[in-house]
N, C-alpha and C. Protein backbone atom coordinates (compact mmCIF):
# COMPACT_ATOMS: atom_id res chain seq x y z
N MET A 1 -262.24 -7.24 167.30
CA MET A 1 -262.96 -6.94 168.52
C MET A 1 -263.04 -8.22 169.36
N LEU A 2 -262.71 -8.11 170.60
CA LEU A 2 -262.84 -9.22 171.54
C LEU A 2 -264.26 -9.19 172.10
N VAL A 3 -264.94 -10.32 172.06
CA VAL A 3 -266.30 -10.41 172.60
C VAL A 3 -266.26 -11.38 173.77
N LEU A 4 -266.74 -10.92 174.92
CA LEU A 4 -266.75 -11.74 176.13
C LEU A 4 -268.16 -11.86 176.69
N SER A 5 -268.43 -12.95 177.35
CA SER A 5 -269.68 -13.10 178.09
C SER A 5 -269.36 -12.93 179.57
N ARG A 6 -270.15 -12.15 180.26
CA ARG A 6 -269.96 -11.91 181.68
C ARG A 6 -271.33 -11.92 182.34
N GLN A 7 -271.38 -12.34 183.57
CA GLN A 7 -272.60 -12.29 184.35
C GLN A 7 -272.50 -11.14 185.35
N ARG A 8 -273.60 -10.86 186.01
CA ARG A 8 -273.62 -9.79 187.00
C ARG A 8 -272.51 -10.01 188.02
N ASP A 9 -271.85 -8.93 188.39
CA ASP A 9 -270.74 -8.90 189.37
C ASP A 9 -269.45 -9.52 188.84
N GLU A 10 -269.39 -9.87 187.57
CA GLU A 10 -268.14 -10.33 186.98
C GLU A 10 -267.46 -9.17 186.27
N SER A 11 -266.13 -9.25 186.14
CA SER A 11 -265.35 -8.14 185.61
C SER A 11 -264.43 -8.59 184.48
N ILE A 12 -263.95 -7.60 183.76
CA ILE A 12 -262.83 -7.80 182.85
C ILE A 12 -261.79 -6.73 183.21
N ILE A 13 -260.54 -7.02 182.90
CA ILE A 13 -259.47 -6.08 183.22
C ILE A 13 -258.76 -5.72 181.93
N ILE A 14 -258.54 -4.42 181.73
CA ILE A 14 -257.81 -3.92 180.57
C ILE A 14 -256.50 -3.35 181.08
N GLY A 15 -255.40 -3.87 180.56
CA GLY A 15 -254.09 -3.44 181.04
C GLY A 15 -253.95 -3.82 182.50
N ASP A 16 -253.26 -2.97 183.24
CA ASP A 16 -253.04 -3.24 184.67
C ASP A 16 -253.96 -2.45 185.58
N ASN A 17 -254.70 -1.48 185.00
CA ASN A 17 -255.38 -0.57 185.92
C ASN A 17 -256.78 -0.14 185.49
N ILE A 18 -257.42 -0.86 184.58
CA ILE A 18 -258.80 -0.55 184.20
C ILE A 18 -259.64 -1.79 184.43
N VAL A 19 -260.69 -1.65 185.24
CA VAL A 19 -261.57 -2.77 185.56
C VAL A 19 -262.99 -2.39 185.15
N ILE A 20 -263.62 -3.26 184.37
CA ILE A 20 -265.00 -3.05 183.95
C ILE A 20 -265.82 -4.17 184.55
N THR A 21 -266.84 -3.80 185.34
CA THR A 21 -267.66 -4.78 186.05
C THR A 21 -269.11 -4.66 185.60
N VAL A 22 -269.75 -5.81 185.37
CA VAL A 22 -271.18 -5.82 185.07
C VAL A 22 -271.89 -5.61 186.41
N VAL A 23 -272.56 -4.47 186.53
CA VAL A 23 -273.22 -4.11 187.78
C VAL A 23 -274.64 -4.63 187.82
N ASP A 24 -275.34 -4.56 186.68
CA ASP A 24 -276.74 -4.96 186.65
C ASP A 24 -277.14 -5.29 185.22
N ILE A 25 -278.10 -6.19 185.09
CA ILE A 25 -278.66 -6.52 183.78
C ILE A 25 -280.18 -6.48 183.94
N ARG A 26 -280.81 -5.62 183.14
CA ARG A 26 -282.28 -5.50 183.17
C ARG A 26 -282.79 -5.51 181.74
N GLY A 27 -283.42 -6.59 181.37
CA GLY A 27 -283.92 -6.71 180.01
C GLY A 27 -282.78 -6.64 179.02
N ASP A 28 -282.87 -5.65 178.11
CA ASP A 28 -281.81 -5.52 177.10
C ASP A 28 -280.77 -4.47 177.48
N LYS A 29 -280.74 -4.04 178.73
CA LYS A 29 -279.76 -3.05 179.19
C LYS A 29 -278.80 -3.65 180.19
N VAL A 30 -277.54 -3.29 180.02
CA VAL A 30 -276.49 -3.73 180.92
C VAL A 30 -275.87 -2.49 181.56
N ARG A 31 -275.75 -2.49 182.87
CA ARG A 31 -275.08 -1.39 183.57
C ARG A 31 -273.66 -1.84 183.89
N LEU A 32 -272.70 -0.99 183.51
CA LEU A 32 -271.30 -1.30 183.72
C LEU A 32 -270.70 -0.32 184.71
N GLY A 33 -269.84 -0.82 185.56
CA GLY A 33 -269.03 0.03 186.43
C GLY A 33 -267.61 0.04 185.88
N ILE A 34 -267.01 1.21 185.80
CA ILE A 34 -265.66 1.32 185.23
C ILE A 34 -264.75 1.98 186.24
N GLN A 35 -263.68 1.29 186.59
CA GLN A 35 -262.65 1.85 187.46
C GLN A 35 -261.42 2.09 186.59
N ALA A 36 -260.98 3.34 186.56
CA ALA A 36 -259.80 3.70 185.77
C ALA A 36 -259.09 4.85 186.49
N PRO A 37 -257.79 4.97 186.29
CA PRO A 37 -257.08 6.11 186.87
C PRO A 37 -257.69 7.42 186.40
N SER A 38 -257.63 8.44 187.24
CA SER A 38 -258.26 9.72 186.92
C SER A 38 -257.67 10.37 185.67
N GLU A 39 -256.44 10.03 185.31
CA GLU A 39 -255.83 10.65 184.12
C GLU A 39 -256.31 10.00 182.82
N ILE A 40 -257.10 8.93 182.92
CA ILE A 40 -257.65 8.28 181.73
C ILE A 40 -259.12 8.67 181.62
N PRO A 41 -259.47 9.46 180.59
CA PRO A 41 -260.87 9.86 180.45
C PRO A 41 -261.74 8.67 180.03
N VAL A 42 -262.93 8.60 180.60
CA VAL A 42 -263.89 7.55 180.26
C VAL A 42 -265.19 8.25 179.87
N HIS A 43 -265.65 8.01 178.64
CA HIS A 43 -266.87 8.64 178.13
C HIS A 43 -267.72 7.63 177.39
N ARG A 44 -269.01 7.87 177.34
CA ARG A 44 -269.85 7.13 176.40
C ARG A 44 -269.43 7.53 175.00
N LYS A 45 -269.61 6.64 174.03
CA LYS A 45 -269.12 6.89 172.68
C LYS A 45 -269.69 8.19 172.10
N GLU A 46 -270.99 8.44 172.29
CA GLU A 46 -271.59 9.65 171.70
C GLU A 46 -271.03 10.92 172.33
N VAL A 47 -270.68 10.87 173.60
CA VAL A 47 -270.06 12.02 174.26
C VAL A 47 -268.64 12.23 173.73
N TYR A 48 -267.89 11.14 173.59
CA TYR A 48 -266.53 11.22 173.05
C TYR A 48 -266.55 11.82 171.64
N GLU A 49 -267.48 11.37 170.80
CA GLU A 49 -267.56 11.89 169.43
C GLU A 49 -267.90 13.38 169.43
N ALA A 50 -268.77 13.82 170.33
CA ALA A 50 -269.10 15.24 170.42
C ALA A 50 -267.88 16.06 170.85
N ILE A 51 -267.10 15.54 171.78
CA ILE A 51 -265.87 16.21 172.22
C ILE A 51 -264.90 16.34 171.05
N GLN A 52 -264.75 15.26 170.28
CA GLN A 52 -263.84 15.29 169.14
C GLN A 52 -264.31 16.29 168.08
N ARG A 53 -265.62 16.35 167.82
CA ARG A 53 -266.14 17.33 166.85
C ARG A 53 -265.86 18.75 167.32
N GLU A 54 -266.01 19.00 168.62
CA GLU A 54 -265.75 20.34 169.16
C GLU A 54 -264.27 20.69 169.02
N LYS A 55 -263.38 19.72 169.29
CA LYS A 55 -261.95 19.96 169.13
C LYS A 55 -261.62 20.28 167.67
N GLU A 56 -262.23 19.53 166.75
CA GLU A 56 -261.99 19.77 165.32
C GLU A 56 -262.49 21.15 164.90
N ARG A 57 -263.66 21.53 165.44
CA ARG A 57 -264.22 22.86 165.12
C ARG A 57 -263.28 23.96 165.61
N LYS A 58 -262.79 23.82 166.83
CA LYS A 58 -261.88 24.83 167.38
C LYS A 58 -260.57 24.86 166.61
N ALA A 59 -260.08 23.69 166.20
CA ALA A 59 -258.83 23.64 165.43
C ALA A 59 -259.02 24.30 164.07
N ALA A 60 -260.21 24.13 163.47
CA ALA A 60 -260.49 24.73 162.16
C ALA A 60 -260.54 26.25 162.27
N GLU A 61 -261.04 26.74 163.40
CA GLU A 61 -261.06 28.20 163.62
C GLU A 61 -259.63 28.70 163.80
N GLY A 62 -258.84 27.92 164.47
CA GLY A 62 -257.41 28.13 164.59
C GLY A 62 -256.97 29.46 165.14
N PRO A 63 -255.70 29.78 164.89
CA PRO A 63 -255.07 30.98 165.43
C PRO A 63 -255.71 32.27 164.93
N ALA A 64 -256.34 32.26 163.77
CA ALA A 64 -256.96 33.48 163.24
C ALA A 64 -257.99 34.00 164.22
N THR A 65 -258.78 33.10 164.80
CA THR A 65 -259.79 33.52 165.78
C THR A 65 -259.12 34.04 167.03
N ASP A 66 -258.06 33.35 167.47
CA ASP A 66 -257.34 33.79 168.66
C ASP A 66 -256.70 35.15 168.44
N ALA A 67 -256.12 35.37 167.26
CA ALA A 67 -255.48 36.65 166.97
C ALA A 67 -256.53 37.76 166.93
N ALA A 68 -257.65 37.48 166.31
CA ALA A 68 -258.71 38.50 166.23
C ALA A 68 -259.22 38.85 167.63
N ALA A 69 -259.35 37.85 168.47
CA ALA A 69 -259.80 38.10 169.84
C ALA A 69 -258.77 38.92 170.60
N GLY A 70 -257.49 38.61 170.40
CA GLY A 70 -256.43 39.36 171.07
C GLY A 70 -256.38 40.79 170.61
N GLU A 71 -256.60 41.07 169.32
CA GLU A 71 -256.57 42.43 168.80
C GLU A 71 -257.72 43.25 169.35
N SER A 72 -258.87 42.62 169.53
CA SER A 72 -260.02 43.40 170.00
C SER A 72 -259.87 43.80 171.46
N LYS A 73 -259.01 43.09 172.20
CA LYS A 73 -258.81 43.40 173.61
C LYS A 73 -257.83 44.54 173.80
N LYS A 74 -257.04 44.89 172.78
CA LYS A 74 -256.01 45.92 172.93
C LYS A 74 -256.58 47.31 172.90
């Protein structure tokens, strides 16, 4: 893990097209601004983990659920 120190209004750049800027610091909270291309999803870690759990749940249900849903529509 790379650890950097930044002050308010300073940025780091990831690759050629992702910029993370320290927008504000209040007590023990840091507000970050993130500029990234629209095709790159940006999520808080807990949101990303919830999305992954939902994908895994749907994958576990798999085609059997899809087939059952298709049969009931006929």
